[in-house]
Amino acid sequence: MNAITPASAERLVRVPLGERAYDILIGPGLIARAGQEIAARLKGRKAAIITDENVAPLYLGALVTSLEAAGVQASSLVLPAGEKTKSFEHLITVCDAVLTARVERNDAVIALGGGVIGDLSGFAAGIVRRGVRFVQIPTSLLSQVDSSVGGKTGINTHHGKNLVGVFHQPDLVLADTDVLNTLSEREFRAGYAEVAKYGLIDKPDFFAWLEANWRQVFSGGAARIEAIAASCQAKSDVVVADERENGPRALLNLGHTFGHALEAATAYDSRRLVHGEGVAIGMVLAYEFSARLNQASPDDARRVEAHLKTVGLPTRMGDIPGALPPAETLMDAIAQDKKVKSGKLTFILTHGIGQSFVADDVPSSEVLSFLKEKHP
C-alpha cells in the first residue's frame, strides 16, 4: 500500500452483486444523513430499527430524526447488549417487532449496532415475509470491516456459534467512523484483529502497512478510514467471487475455527473473551499449526503474534481469564464448526504472511495433539 494521503474524508466501496449490488459508505457523520441515503435507495417508507441498550442512548435519537426528516417512518426495538442476544429467543422478539411495525418487503430493517445486532437483525430481515430490505449501520470496528459486509447472518445455539442463519445481503452499509470514538480500547482492539486478518489472508503489503501505521489507525483520521476501506474492499472482492462460501470465501475464516471454539469454551462471556480476541488467538494458532504441519515458517507465526501483542490483543489461550475446558472439549466445538464437511475437518492454514489456503481433511489427531500442546 502507498503512504497515507489526507484525500477524501469519505470512501465508497461498491459490492457488485448484479441486481443485489450495494454500496458501503465509509466516513464521518453518516448517521446524521442516513435518512437521505436510505430514502434515495429504497422504495419503502417504513423502517424497523434494531439496536441494543449500549448503542441506543448514543445514536438512536439521531438516526430516528434523520429518517423522519427524509420521510421514513421509524420504529425501534432496544435489546440487551452482548453475544448472548444472538439467540432463538431474541430472534422471535425481533421478528415480532418487525411484523408489528408492518414492515413490508420494500421497507427496511435497520441494524444499528455491532456484529451481534447486525447478525440477528439480518437473519430476521431474511426470514420475515421471506425477505425484506436490510440496512447495516455498524457501530463497532469489527462490524464495520467484517460482519456488516457479505450477507452472512445468524444466531448461536448451545451447539456452537452462528450455526443457524441465512445469507441475506444488505441493501446499504453506512460505516460512520465518528462512532468508533466512543468504543473502549478493548472493543477497538478486538475489531482491529479482523483488519489484520485481511492482510494475513492474501495482502501481505497491507499487513506490512498496518505494522507501520497501526498507531494512526487507532488514533483516527485518514489512516483509520483507509484501513476500513481497504478491509471492506478485500471482503467485497471475496464475497463477489464466492457469495455462499463454497470455495475461496472460506479464507475469511482465518483464525475463526480455533477462535469460535474458544468463544464456546467461555460460554460467550464477554468479560472473558470477545469475538475479535478469539480471532486474534485463533490466527496465531493457525500460523503455529501451519508451521507444525511444515506448511509455513515459525518466523511468520512469531511475526503475527508480535504485531497482535504490540497492539494489545491476546495471542495465547493462557491470556483468557479463568480456566478453559480440556482440549477434548475444544475439539468437540471444532467438530461442530460450519467449516466441517462430510465429517472432515477444514482449516484455513497458511504458507506465510498473505498466503492463506483452505486445507481439507486435516487429521483430528494432529489438531488434538496441537491443542493439548498449546493448552495452558
Protein backbone atom coordinates (compact mmCIF):
# COMPACT_ATOMS: atom_id res chain seq x y z
CA MET A 1 0.00 0.00 0.00
CA ASN A 2 1.01 3.58 -0.56
CA ALA A 3 1.64 6.17 2.11
CA ILE A 4 -1.43 7.69 3.75
CA THR A 5 -2.84 10.74 1.99
CA PRO A 6 -5.45 13.01 3.55
CA ALA A 7 -7.50 12.88 0.30
CA SER A 8 -11.24 12.41 0.81
CA ALA A 9 -12.87 12.23 4.23
CA GLU A 10 -15.27 9.66 2.81
CA ARG A 11 -14.84 6.47 0.83
CA LEU A 12 -17.29 4.35 -1.15
CA VAL A 13 -16.85 0.63 -1.78
CA ARG A 14 -19.27 -0.99 -4.21
CA VAL A 15 -20.22 -4.65 -3.78
CA PRO A 16 -21.12 -5.65 -7.37
CA LEU A 17 -23.61 -8.50 -6.98
CA GLY A 18 -25.79 -7.79 -10.02
CA GLU A 19 -29.34 -6.89 -9.01
CA ARG A 20 -28.31 -7.20 -5.34
CA ALA A 21 -25.35 -4.83 -5.62
CA TYR A 22 -24.95 -2.33 -2.80
CA ASP A 23 -22.77 0.50 -1.53
CA ILE A 24 -20.62 0.68 1.58
CA LEU A 25 -20.17 4.32 2.61
CA ILE A 26 -17.27 4.94 5.00
CA GLY A 27 -16.62 8.24 6.72
CA PRO A 28 -17.66 10.67 9.45
CA GLY A 29 -21.19 11.95 10.05
CA LEU A 30 -23.08 9.26 8.17
CA ILE A 31 -25.74 8.61 10.82
CA ALA A 32 -26.85 12.23 10.52
CA ARG A 33 -27.54 11.71 6.81
CA ALA A 34 -28.71 8.11 7.00
CA GLY A 35 -32.27 9.11 6.15
CA GLN A 36 -31.39 10.70 2.83
CA GLU A 37 -29.03 7.86 1.87
CA ILE A 38 -31.66 5.21 2.68
CA ALA A 39 -34.56 7.11 1.08
CA ALA A 40 -32.54 7.57 -2.10
CA ARG A 41 -32.05 3.81 -2.46
CA LEU A 42 -35.18 2.16 -1.09
CA LYS A 43 -38.78 2.49 -2.26
CA GLY A 44 -40.35 1.74 1.10
CA ARG A 45 -41.06 4.42 3.69
CA LYS A 46 -41.06 2.37 6.88
CA ALA A 47 -38.11 1.14 8.89
CA ALA A 48 -37.74 -1.03 11.98
CA ILE A 49 -34.54 -0.13 13.81
CA ILE A 50 -32.96 -2.89 15.88
CA THR A 51 -30.32 -1.75 18.36
CA ASP A 52 -29.05 -2.54 21.85
CA GLU A 53 -29.02 -0.85 25.22
CA ASN A 54 -25.43 0.37 24.83
CA VAL A 55 -25.88 1.95 21.41
CA ALA A 56 -29.42 3.32 21.74
CA PRO A 57 -28.61 6.20 24.15
CA LEU A 58 -25.80 7.35 21.86
CA TYR A 59 -27.21 7.16 18.33
CA LEU A 60 -30.83 6.03 18.16
CA GLY A 61 -32.28 9.54 18.52
CA ALA A 62 -30.10 10.96 15.76
CA LEU A 63 -30.99 8.08 13.42
CA VAL A 64 -34.74 8.42 14.01
CA THR A 65 -34.52 12.20 13.42
CA SER A 66 -32.61 11.64 10.17
CA LEU A 67 -35.08 9.05 8.92
CA GLU A 68 -38.15 11.08 9.75
CA ALA A 69 -36.66 14.16 8.06
CA ALA A 70 -36.36 12.05 4.91
CA GLY A 71 -39.96 10.88 5.14
CA VAL A 72 -39.22 7.40 6.56
CA GLN A 73 -41.46 6.28 9.42
CA ALA A 74 -39.30 4.63 12.07
CA SER A 75 -39.98 2.26 14.94
CA SER A 76 -37.32 0.84 17.20
CA LEU A 77 -36.51 -2.15 19.39
CA VAL A 78 -33.78 -2.00 22.03
CA LEU A 79 -32.27 -5.35 23.03
CA PRO A 80 -29.77 -6.37 25.71
CA ALA A 81 -26.15 -5.95 24.67
CA GLY A 82 -23.81 -8.90 24.27
CA GLU A 83 -23.24 -12.14 22.38
CA LYS A 84 -25.98 -13.97 24.27
CA THR A 85 -28.56 -11.83 22.45
CA LYS A 86 -27.86 -13.86 19.29
CA SER A 87 -30.44 -16.46 20.31
CA PHE A 88 -33.72 -18.01 19.19
CA GLU A 89 -35.47 -16.13 21.98
CA HIS A 90 -34.37 -12.72 20.71
CA LEU A 91 -34.88 -13.71 17.06
CA ILE A 92 -38.57 -14.25 17.85
CA THR A 93 -38.68 -10.85 19.57
CA VAL A 94 -37.14 -9.12 16.55
CA CYS A 95 -39.42 -10.84 14.04
CA ASP A 96 -42.45 -9.89 16.11
CA ALA A 97 -41.31 -6.25 16.31
CA VAL A 98 -40.77 -6.08 12.54
CA LEU A 99 -44.24 -7.50 11.87
CA THR A 100 -45.84 -5.24 14.48
CA ALA A 101 -44.27 -2.27 12.68
CA ARG A 102 -45.98 -3.52 9.49
CA VAL A 103 -42.69 -3.53 7.63
CA GLU A 104 -43.27 -4.79 4.09
CA ARG A 105 -40.84 -6.20 1.55
CA ASN A 106 -39.76 -2.82 0.17
CA ASP A 107 -39.40 -1.36 3.66
CA ALA A 108 -36.29 -1.93 5.73
CA VAL A 109 -34.94 -3.49 8.86
CA ILE A 110 -32.06 -1.31 10.06
CA ALA A 111 -29.35 -2.81 12.26
CA LEU A 112 -27.83 -0.09 14.45
CA GLY A 113 -25.10 -1.75 16.45
CA GLY A 114 -22.20 -4.15 16.35
CA GLY A 115 -21.91 -7.63 14.93
CA VAL A 116 -24.44 -9.20 17.30
CA ILE A 117 -27.20 -6.78 16.31
CA GLY A 118 -26.22 -6.99 12.64
CA ASP A 119 -26.24 -10.79 12.54
CA LEU A 120 -29.52 -11.09 14.45
CA SER A 121 -31.31 -8.31 12.55
CA GLY A 122 -30.10 -9.58 9.20
CA PHE A 123 -31.41 -13.05 9.99
CA ALA A 124 -34.81 -11.59 10.88
CA ALA A 125 -34.82 -9.46 7.72
CA GLY A 126 -34.04 -12.56 5.68
CA ILE A 127 -36.96 -14.60 7.00
CA VAL A 128 -39.76 -12.11 7.76
CA ARG A 129 -42.09 -12.07 4.75
CA ARG A 130 -39.46 -14.33 3.13
CA GLY A 131 -37.11 -11.38 2.94
CA VAL A 132 -37.34 -7.61 3.46
CA ARG A 133 -34.79 -4.90 2.70
CA PHE A 134 -31.91 -4.58 5.12
CA VAL A 135 -29.57 -1.73 6.06
CA GLN A 136 -26.47 -2.11 8.20
CA ILE A 137 -25.27 0.81 10.33
CA PRO A 138 -22.37 -0.89 12.14
CA THR A 139 -21.14 0.84 15.29
CA SER A 140 -18.04 -1.20 16.12
CA LEU A 141 -14.80 -1.51 14.15
CA LEU A 142 -15.31 -5.26 13.91
CA SER A 143 -18.74 -4.91 12.36
CA GLN A 144 -17.65 -2.11 10.03
CA VAL A 145 -14.85 -4.16 8.48
CA ASP A 146 -16.34 -7.64 8.66
CA SER A 147 -19.79 -8.73 9.77
CA SER A 148 -21.77 -5.90 8.13
CA VAL A 149 -20.48 -6.85 4.68
CA GLY A 150 -21.27 -10.02 2.78
CA GLY A 151 -24.75 -11.10 3.83
CA LYS A 152 -23.93 -13.80 6.40
CA THR A 153 -26.48 -13.63 9.21
CA GLY A 154 -27.30 -15.93 12.08
CA ILE A 155 -27.61 -16.80 15.74
CA ASN A 156 -25.80 -19.03 18.19
CA THR A 157 -27.07 -22.23 19.79
CA HIS A 158 -25.67 -24.44 22.52
CA HIS A 159 -24.08 -26.47 19.69
CA GLY A 160 -21.90 -23.53 18.64
CA LYS A 161 -21.62 -20.09 17.08
CA ASN A 162 -23.58 -18.94 14.01
CA LEU A 163 -24.91 -22.42 13.25
CA VAL A 164 -28.43 -21.21 12.37
CA GLY A 165 -28.87 -18.44 9.83
CA VAL A 166 -29.30 -17.39 6.21
CA PHE A 167 -27.42 -15.50 3.52
CA HIS A 168 -29.22 -12.14 3.17
CA GLN A 169 -27.27 -9.29 1.61
CA PRO A 170 -27.80 -5.75 2.91
CA ASP A 171 -29.04 -3.03 0.58
CA LEU A 172 -26.71 -0.43 2.09
CA VAL A 173 -23.94 -0.25 4.67
CA LEU A 174 -23.23 3.06 6.43
CA ALA A 175 -19.95 2.88 8.34
CA ASP A 176 -19.89 6.12 10.33
CA THR A 177 -16.32 6.42 11.56
CA ASP A 178 -17.25 9.01 14.19
CA VAL A 179 -19.00 6.33 16.27
CA LEU A 180 -15.71 4.49 16.74
CA ASN A 181 -14.56 7.30 19.03
CA THR A 182 -16.96 6.04 21.71
CA LEU A 183 -15.58 2.48 21.70
CA SER A 184 -13.48 1.25 24.58
CA GLU A 185 -9.86 0.46 23.80
CA ARG A 186 -10.66 -3.22 24.21
CA GLU A 187 -13.51 -3.11 21.67
CA PHE A 188 -11.40 -1.23 19.13
CA ARG A 189 -8.51 -3.66 19.51
CA ALA A 190 -10.90 -6.58 19.04
CA GLY A 191 -12.10 -5.09 15.76
CA TYR A 192 -8.53 -4.48 14.66
CA ALA A 193 -7.93 -8.24 14.70
CA GLU A 194 -10.31 -8.53 11.73
CA VAL A 195 -8.49 -5.69 9.94
CA ALA A 196 -5.17 -7.51 10.35
CA LYS A 197 -6.84 -10.69 9.10
CA TYR A 198 -7.26 -9.26 5.61
CA GLY A 199 -3.53 -8.69 5.32
CA LEU A 200 -2.77 -12.16 6.62
CA ILE A 201 -5.15 -13.83 4.17
CA ASP A 202 -3.73 -12.55 0.88
CA LYS A 203 -2.49 -8.96 1.21
CA PRO A 204 0.99 -9.00 2.69
CA ASP A 205 1.56 -5.35 1.72
CA PHE A 206 -1.50 -4.36 3.75
CA PHE A 207 -0.22 -6.27 6.78
CA ALA A 208 3.15 -4.53 6.47
CA TRP A 209 1.31 -1.19 6.16
CA LEU A 210 -0.58 -1.99 9.36
CA GLU A 211 2.64 -2.86 11.16
CA ALA A 212 3.93 0.60 10.22
CA ASN A 213 0.72 2.60 10.65
CA TRP A 214 -1.35 0.90 13.36
CA ARG A 215 -0.92 3.80 15.78
CA GLN A 216 -2.52 6.20 13.29
CA VAL A 217 -5.33 3.69 12.68
CA PHE A 218 -6.00 3.63 16.41
CA SER A 219 -5.84 7.43 16.75
CA GLY A 220 -8.28 8.07 13.89
CA GLY A 221 -8.37 10.25 10.81
CA ALA A 222 -7.22 9.35 7.32
CA ALA A 223 -5.39 6.16 8.33
CA ARG A 224 -8.46 4.77 10.06
CA ILE A 225 -10.70 5.45 7.05
CA GLU A 226 -8.06 3.95 4.74
CA ALA A 227 -7.81 0.76 6.85
CA ILE A 228 -11.59 0.32 6.98
CA ALA A 229 -11.97 0.95 3.24
CA ALA A 230 -9.17 -1.49 2.41
CA SER A 231 -10.77 -4.12 4.64
CA CYS A 232 -14.23 -3.64 3.11
CA GLN A 233 -12.78 -3.79 -0.41
CA ALA A 234 -10.94 -7.01 0.45
CA LYS A 235 -14.11 -8.58 1.81
CA SER A 236 -16.18 -7.36 -1.14
CA ASP A 237 -13.73 -8.97 -3.58
CA VAL A 238 -14.00 -12.32 -1.83
CA VAL A 239 -17.78 -12.18 -1.43
CA VAL A 240 -18.30 -11.38 -5.12
CA ALA A 241 -16.09 -14.31 -6.10
CA ASP A 242 -17.86 -16.75 -3.74
CA GLU A 243 -21.03 -15.35 -2.20
CA ARG A 244 -22.18 -18.51 -0.40
CA GLU A 245 -18.84 -19.78 0.85
CA ASN A 246 -18.43 -22.74 -1.47
CA GLY A 247 -14.77 -22.05 -2.08
CA PRO A 248 -12.40 -19.10 -1.56
CA ARG A 249 -14.74 -17.18 0.78
CA ALA A 250 -13.80 -19.71 3.43
CA LEU A 251 -10.45 -17.90 3.62
CA LEU A 252 -12.25 -15.14 5.53
CA ASN A 253 -12.44 -17.62 8.40
CA LEU A 254 -8.71 -17.46 9.07
CA GLY A 255 -8.38 -17.90 12.83
CA HIS A 256 -12.10 -18.42 13.29
CA THR A 257 -12.21 -22.20 13.73
CA PHE A 258 -9.95 -22.00 16.76
CA GLY A 259 -11.49 -18.68 17.83
CA HIS A 260 -15.08 -19.93 17.72
CA ALA A 261 -14.12 -22.95 19.80
CA LEU A 262 -12.60 -20.67 22.42
CA GLU A 263 -15.71 -18.48 22.44
CA ALA A 264 -17.87 -21.55 23.00
CA ALA A 265 -15.48 -22.70 25.75
CA THR A 266 -16.05 -19.41 27.60
CA ALA A 267 -19.85 -19.64 27.10
CA TYR A 268 -19.71 -16.41 25.07
CA ASP A 269 -18.90 -14.47 28.24
CA SER A 270 -17.61 -11.11 27.02
CA ARG A 271 -15.94 -10.49 30.36
CA ARG A 272 -13.53 -13.27 29.44
CA LEU A 273 -13.35 -13.17 25.66
CA VAL A 274 -14.92 -11.20 22.82
CA HIS A 275 -15.02 -12.32 19.20
CA GLY A 276 -12.08 -10.30 17.92
CA GLU A 277 -9.90 -11.50 20.77
CA GLY A 278 -10.81 -15.09 19.91
CA VAL A 279 -9.88 -14.40 16.29
CA ALA A 280 -6.52 -12.92 17.34
CA ILE A 281 -5.65 -16.02 19.36
CA GLY A 282 -7.05 -18.19 16.58
CA MET A 283 -4.88 -16.55 13.90
CA VAL A 284 -1.74 -17.12 15.94
CA LEU A 285 -2.81 -20.73 16.46
CA ALA A 286 -3.48 -21.11 12.72
CA TYR A 287 0.01 -19.86 11.88
CA GLU A 288 1.60 -22.05 14.53
CA PHE A 289 -0.41 -25.07 13.39
CA SER A 290 0.68 -24.39 9.81
CA ALA A 291 4.29 -24.35 10.98
CA ARG A 292 3.72 -27.60 12.88
CA LEU A 293 2.49 -29.18 9.62
CA ASN A 294 5.57 -27.82 7.80
CA GLN A 295 3.40 -25.52 5.68
CA ALA A 296 4.89 -22.26 6.97
CA SER A 297 7.90 -20.90 8.79
CA PRO A 298 7.76 -20.48 12.57
CA ASP A 299 9.12 -16.99 11.91
CA ASP A 300 5.81 -16.00 10.31
CA ALA A 301 3.89 -17.16 13.36
CA ARG A 302 6.22 -15.15 15.59
CA ARG A 303 5.75 -12.06 13.38
CA VAL A 304 1.97 -12.33 13.54
CA GLU A 305 2.00 -12.81 17.29
CA ALA A 306 4.41 -9.93 17.79
CA HIS A 307 2.18 -7.47 15.94
CA LEU A 308 -1.03 -8.56 17.64
CA LYS A 309 0.66 -8.39 21.05
CA THR A 310 2.03 -4.94 20.23
CA VAL A 311 -1.45 -3.55 19.66
CA GLY A 312 -2.63 -5.13 22.93
CA LEU A 313 -4.51 -8.22 21.77
CA PRO A 314 -4.36 -11.62 23.50
CA THR A 315 -2.40 -14.18 21.49
CA ARG A 316 -2.39 -17.28 23.71
CA MET A 317 -5.08 -19.46 25.24
CA GLY A 318 -3.46 -18.68 28.58
CA ASP A 319 -4.31 -15.00 28.07
CA ILE A 320 -8.02 -15.81 28.55
CA PRO A 321 -9.08 -15.18 32.17
CA GLY A 322 -10.27 -18.25 34.06
CA ALA A 323 -9.91 -21.94 33.38
CA LEU A 324 -10.57 -23.46 29.98
CA PRO A 325 -12.12 -26.89 29.42
CA PRO A 326 -9.79 -29.68 28.30
CA ALA A 327 -8.52 -29.92 24.73
CA GLU A 328 -11.02 -32.69 24.00
CA THR A 329 -13.90 -30.28 24.70
CA LEU A 330 -12.38 -27.71 22.34
CA MET A 331 -12.20 -30.45 19.71
CA ASP A 332 -15.91 -31.14 20.13
CA ALA A 333 -16.63 -27.48 19.33
CA ILE A 334 -14.36 -27.61 16.30
CA ALA A 335 -16.15 -30.74 15.06
CA GLN A 336 -19.45 -28.78 15.11
CA ASP A 337 -17.98 -25.89 13.16
CA LYS A 338 -19.72 -24.84 9.93
CA LYS A 339 -16.49 -25.44 8.05
CA VAL A 340 -16.67 -29.17 8.70
CA LYS A 341 -17.67 -31.03 5.52
CA SER A 342 -18.76 -34.66 5.48
CA GLY A 343 -17.26 -35.02 8.92
CA LYS A 344 -13.82 -33.91 7.69
CA LEU A 345 -12.08 -31.00 9.40
CA THR A 346 -11.42 -27.97 7.23
CA PHE A 347 -8.97 -25.34 8.42
CA ILE A 348 -7.64 -22.11 6.94
CA LEU A 349 -3.89 -22.57 7.04
CA THR A 350 -1.03 -20.58 5.54
CA HIS A 351 2.22 -20.84 3.65
CA GLY A 352 3.28 -17.44 5.01
CA ILE A 353 2.13 -13.85 5.51
CA GLY A 354 -0.65 -13.23 3.00
CA GLN A 355 -0.55 -16.81 1.70
CA SER A 356 -3.57 -18.48 3.28
CA PHE A 357 -5.23 -21.56 1.81
CA VAL A 358 -8.10 -23.94 2.53
CA ALA A 359 -6.89 -27.25 3.96
CA ASP A 360 -9.44 -30.04 3.70
CA ASP A 361 -9.32 -33.27 5.71
CA VAL A 362 -6.98 -32.07 8.45
CA PRO A 363 -6.31 -35.05 10.74
CA SER A 364 -8.23 -34.74 14.00
CA SER A 365 -5.37 -36.40 15.84
CA GLU A 366 -2.98 -33.64 14.75
CA VAL A 367 -5.39 -30.93 15.87
CA LEU A 368 -5.98 -32.56 19.25
CA SER A 369 -2.27 -33.05 19.85
CA PHE A 370 -1.65 -29.41 18.94
CA LEU A 371 -4.40 -28.17 21.27
CA LYS A 372 -3.01 -30.21 24.14
CA GLU A 373 0.39 -28.67 23.50
CA LYS A 374 -1.00 -25.13 23.49
CA HIS A 375 -3.49 -25.59 26.33
CA PRO A 376 -2.47 -23.54 29.39
